[in-house]
N, C-alpha and C. Protein backbone atom coordinates (compact mmCIF):
# COMPACT_ATOMS: atom_id res chain seq x y z
N MET A 1 76.13 -76.99 2.97
CA MET A 1 77.71 -77.08 3.32
C MET A 1 78.13 -75.96 3.89
N VAL A 2 79.06 -76.17 4.86
CA VAL A 2 80.14 -75.16 5.58
C VAL A 2 81.30 -74.96 4.84
N LYS A 3 81.59 -73.31 4.72
CA LYS A 3 82.71 -72.88 4.06
C LYS A 3 83.54 -72.15 5.17
N ILE A 4 84.86 -72.28 5.03
CA ILE A 4 85.55 -71.45 6.15
C ILE A 4 86.14 -70.12 5.49
N VAL A 5 86.09 -69.01 6.14
CA VAL A 5 86.56 -67.65 5.75
C VAL A 5 87.66 -67.33 6.76
N ARG A 6 88.65 -66.87 6.44
CA ARG A 6 89.77 -66.30 7.20
C ARG A 6 89.59 -64.86 7.31
N LEU A 7 89.68 -64.23 8.53
CA LEU A 7 89.46 -62.79 8.73
C LEU A 7 90.92 -62.09 9.18
N GLU A 8 91.34 -61.17 8.36
CA GLU A 8 92.82 -60.51 8.83
C GLU A 8 92.30 -59.23 8.85
N PRO A 9 93.07 -58.60 9.86
CA PRO A 9 94.43 -59.00 10.40
C PRO A 9 94.23 -59.66 11.65
N ILE A 10 93.07 -60.12 12.13
CA ILE A 10 92.67 -60.54 13.35
C ILE A 10 93.19 -62.19 13.57
N ALA A 11 93.49 -62.63 12.18
CA ALA A 11 94.03 -64.27 12.04
C ALA A 11 93.12 -65.07 12.51
N GLN A 12 91.81 -64.88 12.06
CA GLN A 12 90.88 -66.00 12.75
C GLN A 12 90.13 -66.64 11.40
N GLU A 13 89.65 -67.82 11.82
CA GLU A 13 88.80 -68.50 10.69
C GLU A 13 87.48 -68.81 11.32
N THR A 14 86.52 -68.69 10.57
CA THR A 14 85.13 -68.89 10.91
C THR A 14 84.28 -69.63 9.97
N ALA A 15 83.34 -70.38 10.28
CA ALA A 15 82.53 -71.09 9.20
C ALA A 15 81.36 -70.39 8.88
N ILE A 16 80.95 -70.65 7.69
CA ILE A 16 79.98 -69.88 7.17
C ILE A 16 79.22 -71.00 6.06
N GLU A 17 77.67 -70.76 6.02
CA GLU A 17 76.83 -71.58 5.29
C GLU A 17 77.27 -71.43 3.88
N THR A 18 77.35 -72.39 2.89
CA THR A 18 77.64 -71.98 1.37
C THR A 18 76.40 -71.05 1.12
N ASN A 19 76.82 -69.95 0.40
CA ASN A 19 75.98 -68.87 -0.20
C ASN A 19 75.62 -67.95 0.85
N GLY A 20 76.36 -67.83 2.10
CA GLY A 20 76.02 -66.88 2.94
C GLY A 20 76.90 -65.73 2.75
N ASN A 21 76.41 -64.66 3.26
CA ASN A 21 77.19 -63.41 2.97
C ASN A 21 78.24 -62.89 3.90
N LEU A 22 79.21 -62.10 3.45
CA LEU A 22 80.39 -61.94 4.36
C LEU A 22 80.07 -61.04 5.63
N LEU A 23 78.93 -60.20 5.31
CA LEU A 23 78.67 -59.44 6.40
C LEU A 23 78.23 -60.24 7.73
N SER A 24 77.61 -61.37 7.37
CA SER A 24 77.34 -62.33 8.58
C SER A 24 78.45 -62.87 9.16
N VAL A 25 79.75 -63.18 8.57
CA VAL A 25 80.89 -63.45 9.22
C VAL A 25 81.27 -62.44 10.08
N LEU A 26 81.34 -61.11 9.42
CA LEU A 26 81.80 -60.05 10.15
C LEU A 26 81.19 -59.74 11.56
N LEU A 27 79.84 -59.77 11.33
CA LEU A 27 78.76 -59.47 12.41
C LEU A 27 78.91 -60.63 13.30
N LYS A 28 79.06 -61.93 13.17
CA LYS A 28 79.38 -63.14 14.08
C LYS A 28 80.75 -62.99 14.82
N LYS A 29 81.63 -62.09 14.20
CA LYS A 29 82.71 -62.00 15.12
C LYS A 29 82.91 -60.70 15.79
N ASP A 30 81.87 -60.10 15.87
CA ASP A 30 81.58 -58.85 16.61
C ASP A 30 82.43 -57.76 16.22
N LEU A 31 82.78 -57.83 14.75
CA LEU A 31 83.60 -56.55 14.24
C LEU A 31 82.67 -55.37 14.02
N ASP A 32 83.14 -54.01 14.18
CA ASP A 32 82.32 -52.94 14.00
C ASP A 32 82.14 -52.57 12.56
N VAL A 33 80.87 -53.30 11.95
CA VAL A 33 80.44 -53.01 10.63
C VAL A 33 79.24 -52.16 10.92
N LEU A 34 79.05 -50.98 10.10
CA LEU A 34 77.82 -50.03 10.37
C LEU A 34 76.70 -50.69 9.58
N LYS A 35 76.83 -51.12 8.23
CA LYS A 35 75.51 -51.68 7.73
C LYS A 35 74.61 -50.63 7.57
N GLU A 36 75.02 -49.44 7.07
CA GLU A 36 73.66 -48.34 7.32
C GLU A 36 72.58 -48.63 6.33
N CYS A 37 72.66 -49.29 5.19
CA CYS A 37 71.73 -49.26 4.07
C CYS A 37 70.86 -50.84 4.70
N GLY A 38 71.20 -51.41 5.58
CA GLY A 38 70.59 -52.59 6.10
C GLY A 38 70.94 -53.81 5.17
N GLY A 39 72.25 -53.76 4.50
CA GLY A 39 72.73 -54.91 3.65
C GLY A 39 72.04 -55.16 2.18
N ARG A 40 71.72 -53.58 1.78
CA ARG A 40 71.09 -53.75 0.31
C ARG A 40 72.20 -53.34 -0.57
N GLY A 41 73.51 -53.21 -0.30
CA GLY A 41 74.57 -52.74 -1.12
C GLY A 41 74.55 -51.28 -1.72
N MET A 42 74.00 -50.55 -0.82
CA MET A 42 73.85 -48.91 -1.56
C MET A 42 74.77 -48.10 -0.32
N CYS A 43 75.22 -48.39 0.53
CA CYS A 43 76.14 -47.54 1.47
C CYS A 43 77.60 -47.58 1.45
N ALA A 44 78.05 -48.78 1.22
CA ALA A 44 79.38 -49.13 1.30
C ALA A 44 80.13 -49.14 2.92
N THR A 45 79.28 -48.96 3.89
CA THR A 45 79.69 -49.11 5.35
C THR A 45 80.24 -50.65 5.59
N CYS A 46 80.09 -51.63 4.73
CA CYS A 46 80.36 -53.00 4.94
C CYS A 46 81.47 -53.16 3.88
N HIS A 47 82.41 -52.22 3.32
CA HIS A 47 83.25 -52.29 2.38
C HIS A 47 84.47 -53.13 3.03
N ILE A 48 84.88 -54.28 2.29
CA ILE A 48 86.01 -55.03 2.62
C ILE A 48 87.16 -55.14 1.49
N TYR A 49 88.34 -55.62 1.71
CA TYR A 49 89.17 -56.20 0.52
C TYR A 49 89.26 -57.75 0.65
N VAL A 50 89.31 -58.20 -0.31
CA VAL A 50 89.31 -59.79 -0.37
C VAL A 50 91.02 -59.90 -0.63
N LYS A 51 91.67 -60.42 0.25
CA LYS A 51 93.31 -60.80 0.06
C LYS A 51 93.34 -61.77 -0.56
N ASP A 52 92.50 -62.79 -0.89
CA ASP A 52 92.60 -64.13 -1.34
C ASP A 52 91.22 -64.81 -1.47
N GLY A 53 90.98 -65.67 -2.68
CA GLY A 53 89.96 -66.27 -2.68
C GLY A 53 88.75 -65.51 -3.46
N MET A 54 89.17 -64.28 -4.00
CA MET A 54 88.07 -63.64 -4.96
C MET A 54 87.12 -64.59 -5.77
N SER A 55 87.63 -65.61 -6.42
CA SER A 55 86.72 -66.50 -7.31
C SER A 55 85.95 -67.51 -6.41
N GLY A 56 86.21 -67.44 -5.07
CA GLY A 56 85.14 -68.30 -4.22
C GLY A 56 84.02 -67.60 -3.53
N LEU A 57 83.71 -66.28 -4.18
CA LEU A 57 82.80 -65.51 -4.14
C LEU A 57 81.82 -65.36 -5.11
N SER A 58 80.54 -64.79 -5.02
CA SER A 58 79.49 -64.64 -6.01
C SER A 58 80.13 -63.35 -6.83
N PRO A 59 79.58 -63.27 -8.01
CA PRO A 59 80.00 -62.30 -8.88
C PRO A 59 79.53 -60.96 -8.20
N ILE A 60 80.02 -59.77 -8.84
CA ILE A 60 79.84 -58.33 -8.22
C ILE A 60 78.48 -57.88 -9.22
N ASN A 61 77.40 -57.64 -8.40
CA ASN A 61 76.01 -57.01 -9.36
C ASN A 61 76.35 -55.70 -9.65
N ARG A 62 75.42 -54.96 -10.27
CA ARG A 62 75.39 -53.63 -10.78
C ARG A 62 75.39 -52.88 -9.60
N ARG A 63 74.58 -53.01 -8.57
CA ARG A 63 74.26 -52.15 -7.38
C ARG A 63 75.55 -52.01 -6.88
N GLU A 64 76.07 -53.35 -6.64
CA GLU A 64 77.43 -53.27 -5.85
C GLU A 64 78.50 -52.49 -6.52
N GLN A 65 78.59 -52.69 -7.72
CA GLN A 65 79.65 -52.07 -8.53
C GLN A 65 79.53 -50.51 -8.70
N ARG A 66 78.17 -50.03 -8.58
CA ARG A 66 78.08 -48.50 -8.36
C ARG A 66 78.17 -47.99 -7.25
N THR A 67 78.11 -48.66 -6.13
CA THR A 67 78.56 -48.36 -4.92
C THR A 67 79.90 -48.27 -4.58
N LEU A 68 80.64 -49.32 -5.25
CA LEU A 68 82.28 -49.27 -5.01
C LEU A 68 82.76 -48.02 -5.78
N GLU A 69 82.05 -47.67 -6.97
CA GLU A 69 82.66 -46.73 -7.59
C GLU A 69 82.83 -45.34 -6.79
N VAL A 70 82.05 -45.16 -5.74
CA VAL A 70 82.05 -43.94 -4.99
C VAL A 70 83.02 -43.92 -3.75
N ILE A 71 83.73 -45.10 -3.56
CA ILE A 71 84.55 -45.27 -2.47
C ILE A 71 85.95 -44.92 -2.81
N THR A 72 86.51 -43.80 -2.32
CA THR A 72 87.82 -43.31 -2.75
C THR A 72 88.98 -44.71 -2.36
N SER A 73 88.54 -45.34 -1.48
CA SER A 73 89.61 -46.34 -1.13
C SER A 73 89.45 -47.46 -1.64
N CYS A 74 88.63 -47.87 -2.75
CA CYS A 74 88.15 -48.80 -3.48
C CYS A 74 89.29 -49.41 -4.23
N LYS A 75 89.53 -50.60 -4.45
CA LYS A 75 90.58 -51.24 -5.01
C LYS A 75 90.17 -52.52 -5.80
N THR A 76 90.82 -53.07 -6.94
CA THR A 76 90.44 -54.16 -7.65
C THR A 76 89.96 -55.15 -6.62
N ASN A 77 90.18 -55.36 -5.41
CA ASN A 77 89.90 -56.68 -4.55
C ASN A 77 88.89 -56.06 -3.71
N SER A 78 88.35 -54.92 -3.87
CA SER A 78 87.25 -54.39 -2.85
C SER A 78 85.79 -55.22 -3.19
N ARG A 79 85.08 -55.36 -2.02
CA ARG A 79 83.80 -55.98 -2.22
C ARG A 79 82.88 -55.22 -1.02
N LEU A 80 81.78 -55.44 -1.26
CA LEU A 80 80.70 -55.22 -0.27
C LEU A 80 80.39 -56.27 0.64
N ALA A 81 80.45 -56.48 2.00
CA ALA A 81 80.42 -57.60 2.61
C ALA A 81 78.96 -58.13 2.56
N CYS A 82 78.11 -57.16 2.45
CA CYS A 82 76.58 -57.50 2.39
C CYS A 82 76.30 -58.25 1.04
N GLN A 83 76.89 -58.16 -0.10
CA GLN A 83 76.72 -58.54 -1.11
C GLN A 83 77.72 -59.85 -1.73
N ALA A 84 78.62 -59.94 -1.18
CA ALA A 84 79.59 -61.02 -1.61
C ALA A 84 78.98 -62.31 -0.63
N ARG A 85 78.65 -63.34 -1.59
CA ARG A 85 78.14 -64.57 -1.14
C ARG A 85 79.34 -65.59 -1.10
N VAL A 86 79.75 -66.49 -0.16
CA VAL A 86 80.55 -67.24 0.16
C VAL A 86 80.40 -68.64 -0.85
N LEU A 87 80.97 -69.14 -1.83
CA LEU A 87 80.71 -70.07 -2.57
C LEU A 87 81.70 -71.34 -2.35
N ALA A 88 83.01 -70.92 -2.00
CA ALA A 88 84.23 -71.90 -1.86
C ALA A 88 85.08 -71.69 -0.73
N ASN A 89 85.78 -72.63 -0.15
CA ASN A 89 86.76 -72.24 0.73
C ASN A 89 87.87 -71.33 0.39
N GLY A 90 88.82 -70.98 1.36
CA GLY A 90 89.88 -70.17 0.80
C GLY A 90 89.61 -68.68 0.67
N VAL A 91 88.47 -68.05 1.14
CA VAL A 91 88.17 -67.02 1.12
C VAL A 91 89.01 -66.07 2.30
N VAL A 92 89.90 -65.00 2.27
CA VAL A 92 90.48 -64.22 3.10
C VAL A 92 90.15 -63.01 2.91
N VAL A 93 89.63 -62.07 3.91
CA VAL A 93 89.00 -60.77 3.86
C VAL A 93 89.75 -60.04 5.15
N GLU A 94 89.70 -58.74 4.56
CA GLU A 94 90.39 -57.70 5.53
C GLU A 94 89.59 -56.38 5.40
N LEU A 95 89.08 -55.86 6.69
CA LEU A 95 88.47 -54.62 6.92
C LEU A 95 89.41 -53.47 6.40
N PRO A 96 89.04 -52.63 5.73
CA PRO A 96 89.94 -51.44 5.37
C PRO A 96 90.41 -50.75 6.70
N PRO A 97 91.69 -50.35 6.66
CA PRO A 97 92.41 -49.80 7.67
C PRO A 97 91.60 -48.49 8.11
N GLY A 98 91.52 -47.98 9.49
CA GLY A 98 90.93 -47.02 10.06
C GLY A 98 89.66 -47.17 10.69
N MET A 99 89.43 -46.15 11.29
CA MET A 99 88.21 -46.10 12.22
C MET A 99 86.94 -45.56 11.29
N TYR A 100 85.77 -46.30 10.96
CA TYR A 100 84.74 -45.71 10.30
C TYR A 100 83.76 -44.84 11.34
N ILE A 101 83.34 -43.54 11.02
CA ILE A 101 82.71 -42.50 11.75
C ILE A 101 81.57 -42.87 11.46
N ASN A 102 80.42 -42.89 12.56
CA ASN A 102 79.18 -43.16 12.32
C ASN A 102 78.34 -41.78 12.44
N SER A 103 78.94 -40.62 13.03
CA SER A 103 78.05 -39.45 13.15
C SER A 103 79.24 -38.40 13.72
N ILE A 104 79.13 -37.07 13.59
CA ILE A 104 80.13 -36.06 13.91
C ILE A 104 80.34 -36.18 15.43
N GLN A 105 79.42 -36.53 16.16
CA GLN A 105 79.44 -36.83 17.76
C GLN A 105 80.79 -37.80 18.01
N ASP A 106 80.92 -38.91 17.14
CA ASP A 106 81.93 -39.92 17.17
C ASP A 106 83.40 -39.04 17.38
N ILE A 107 83.51 -38.06 16.54
CA ILE A 107 84.80 -37.32 16.33
C ILE A 107 84.62 -36.36 17.55
N GLU A 108 83.69 -35.54 17.84
CA GLU A 108 83.59 -34.57 19.15
C GLU A 108 84.20 -35.37 20.26
N ALA A 109 83.92 -36.44 20.48
CA ALA A 109 84.62 -36.90 21.69
C ALA A 109 86.16 -37.23 21.73
N LEU A 110 86.60 -36.95 20.39
CA LEU A 110 88.03 -37.31 20.26
C LEU A 110 88.71 -35.95 20.34
N ILE A 111 88.02 -34.76 20.49
CA ILE A 111 88.75 -33.55 20.44
C ILE A 111 89.81 -33.23 21.61
N GLY A 112 91.02 -32.77 20.97
CA GLY A 112 92.07 -32.78 21.81
C GLY A 112 93.20 -34.10 21.84
N ARG A 113 92.61 -34.82 21.12
CA ARG A 113 93.51 -36.21 21.06
C ARG A 113 94.19 -36.19 19.56
N ARG A 114 95.26 -36.99 19.49
CA ARG A 114 95.72 -37.52 18.25
C ARG A 114 94.82 -38.43 17.59
N ALA A 115 94.61 -38.72 16.52
CA ALA A 115 93.73 -39.77 15.77
C ALA A 115 94.92 -41.06 15.83
N GLU A 116 94.46 -42.15 16.35
CA GLU A 116 95.03 -43.21 16.66
C GLU A 116 95.27 -44.11 15.19
N GLN A 117 94.24 -43.77 14.54
CA GLN A 117 94.39 -44.41 12.87
C GLN A 117 93.57 -43.39 12.12
N ASN A 118 93.52 -43.65 10.87
CA ASN A 118 92.55 -42.79 9.91
C ASN A 118 91.22 -42.91 10.53
N LEU A 119 90.58 -41.73 10.27
CA LEU A 119 89.19 -41.62 10.75
C LEU A 119 88.56 -41.60 9.29
N LEU A 120 87.67 -42.37 8.90
CA LEU A 120 87.07 -42.72 7.59
C LEU A 120 85.55 -42.09 7.46
N HIS A 121 85.29 -41.41 6.55
CA HIS A 121 83.78 -41.17 6.01
C HIS A 121 83.18 -42.50 6.02
N PRO A 122 82.11 -42.87 6.56
CA PRO A 122 81.40 -44.15 6.53
C PRO A 122 80.88 -44.51 5.19
N VAL A 123 80.65 -43.41 4.19
CA VAL A 123 80.10 -43.81 2.87
C VAL A 123 81.12 -43.73 1.67
N THR A 124 81.94 -42.68 1.88
CA THR A 124 82.87 -42.55 0.67
C THR A 124 84.06 -43.11 0.93
N GLY A 125 84.35 -43.29 2.24
CA GLY A 125 85.65 -43.73 2.68
C GLY A 125 86.91 -42.60 2.61
N HIS A 126 86.49 -41.61 2.42
CA HIS A 126 87.39 -40.62 2.63
C HIS A 126 88.01 -40.35 3.90
N ILE A 127 89.21 -40.08 3.83
CA ILE A 127 89.92 -39.76 5.21
C ILE A 127 89.58 -38.54 5.77
N LEU A 128 88.91 -38.51 6.85
CA LEU A 128 88.49 -37.29 7.77
C LEU A 128 89.53 -36.55 8.51
N VAL A 129 90.17 -37.53 9.20
CA VAL A 129 91.44 -36.94 10.07
C VAL A 129 92.58 -38.29 9.85
N GLU A 130 93.51 -37.68 9.47
CA GLU A 130 94.67 -38.68 9.22
C GLU A 130 95.34 -39.33 10.70
N ALA A 131 95.73 -40.35 10.66
CA ALA A 131 96.30 -40.98 11.84
C ALA A 131 97.59 -40.14 12.27
N GLY A 132 97.38 -39.81 13.65
CA GLY A 132 98.69 -38.89 14.12
C GLY A 132 98.20 -37.59 14.37
N LYS A 133 97.14 -36.97 13.42
CA LYS A 133 96.95 -35.70 13.53
C LYS A 133 96.29 -35.19 14.73
N LEU A 134 96.17 -34.04 15.12
CA LEU A 134 95.53 -33.62 16.24
C LEU A 134 94.03 -33.10 15.75
N ILE A 135 93.09 -33.90 16.54
CA ILE A 135 91.60 -33.43 16.47
C ILE A 135 91.21 -32.17 17.10
N THR A 136 90.91 -31.27 16.50
CA THR A 136 90.35 -29.80 17.13
C THR A 136 89.02 -29.41 16.73
N ARG A 137 88.81 -28.49 17.54
CA ARG A 137 87.30 -28.00 17.08
C ARG A 137 87.39 -27.35 15.63
N SER A 138 88.51 -27.04 15.20
CA SER A 138 88.53 -26.38 13.97
C SER A 138 88.45 -27.51 12.75
N VAL A 139 88.98 -28.52 13.11
CA VAL A 139 88.93 -29.74 12.26
C VAL A 139 87.58 -30.28 12.35
N LEU A 140 86.97 -30.46 13.42
CA LEU A 140 85.56 -30.70 13.35
C LEU A 140 84.60 -29.88 12.54
N LYS A 141 84.79 -28.49 12.82
CA LYS A 141 84.14 -27.64 11.79
C LYS A 141 84.19 -27.89 10.42
N GLN A 142 85.55 -28.07 9.92
CA GLN A 142 86.01 -28.46 8.68
C GLN A 142 85.24 -29.79 8.27
N ILE A 143 85.27 -30.76 9.06
CA ILE A 143 84.60 -31.99 8.49
C ILE A 143 83.34 -31.79 8.32
N GLU A 144 82.54 -30.88 9.44
CA GLU A 144 81.11 -30.87 9.02
C GLU A 144 80.62 -30.14 7.84
N ALA A 145 81.69 -29.09 7.41
CA ALA A 145 81.42 -28.32 6.28
C ALA A 145 81.49 -29.18 5.02
N THR A 146 82.56 -30.05 4.86
CA THR A 146 82.97 -30.75 3.60
C THR A 146 82.37 -32.29 3.59
N THR A 147 81.44 -32.59 4.72
CA THR A 147 81.14 -34.02 4.45
C THR A 147 79.73 -34.27 4.21
N SER A 148 78.94 -33.29 3.50
CA SER A 148 77.60 -33.50 3.17
C SER A 148 77.67 -34.74 1.93
N PHE A 149 76.60 -35.65 2.19
CA PHE A 149 76.32 -36.66 1.22
C PHE A 149 75.10 -36.82 0.95
N ASN A 150 74.35 -36.70 -0.08
CA ASN A 150 73.09 -36.64 -0.44
C ASN A 150 72.73 -38.18 -0.74
N TYR A 151 72.31 -38.91 0.40
CA TYR A 151 71.88 -40.26 0.26
C TYR A 151 70.85 -40.28 -0.70
N THR A 152 69.88 -39.55 -0.78
CA THR A 152 68.53 -39.82 -1.51
C THR A 152 69.01 -39.59 -2.89
N ASP A 153 69.89 -38.72 -3.43
CA ASP A 153 70.15 -38.61 -4.99
C ASP A 153 70.99 -39.94 -5.21
N PHE A 154 71.95 -40.32 -4.33
CA PHE A 154 72.68 -41.56 -4.43
C PHE A 154 71.63 -42.59 -4.60
N PHE A 155 70.64 -43.04 -3.68
CA PHE A 155 69.99 -44.07 -3.82
C PHE A 155 69.03 -44.08 -4.88
N THR A 156 68.56 -42.95 -5.22
CA THR A 156 67.73 -42.73 -6.66
C THR A 156 68.51 -43.24 -7.80
N HIS A 157 69.56 -42.60 -7.80
CA HIS A 157 70.54 -43.05 -9.06
C HIS A 157 70.99 -44.39 -9.10
N SER A 158 71.13 -45.08 -8.07
CA SER A 158 71.52 -46.25 -7.70
C SER A 158 70.48 -47.16 -8.33
N SER A 159 69.19 -47.03 -7.91
CA SER A 159 67.99 -47.85 -8.41
C SER A 159 67.66 -47.86 -9.57
N ASN A 160 68.16 -46.77 -10.31
CA ASN A 160 67.69 -46.70 -11.90
C ASN A 160 68.74 -47.48 -12.75
N SER A 161 69.75 -48.23 -12.25
CA SER A 161 70.50 -48.84 -13.08
C SER A 161 70.39 -50.23 -13.11
C-alpha cells in the first residue's frame, strides 16, 4: 500500500510504500543526504525533523536513540531517516537547516566567502561555521583541530547496547 509523505521546506509530496524508510523518500527527491553508515542508524547524517505525523512512523529503536543522543541539534521531533519507516499518511518531514560538510575539503573551497547558511558537522550536528561568518584559513585550522570524532569508539559503544 502506498503512503504520502510531505517534504518541507520544498513543499513537495511523494509516495512511498508502506514500511519504506524516510531515507528512500529523501534520496528519491535528490536531496543531499550523506548516509555515511549505509543506513544502519549509526552516523546521524540522515537526521531529520518530523514536523507532523510522528505517530505514523515506526517507533525509535535503541540504536537510533543512542545515535540521536550525540546530535546537538536533536529535538523531541528528531528521527534518523534511515530508521524511520512510514506506516501511515500525514507524515511531514524537514531536513535540519544548514549545509552538512562531508570533509574539510568542502570548507576549503569556501575560503574567502561568507557562509550562506550554517555549516554543520555531519555526525554531531555541531555548527562549524555560523551563517554570515567569513570562512578563513584560521577558521579552517580551528575546525580541523576541534572536529575529531572517533567513529570506532562510537560504533563499538552503540553495538553493545
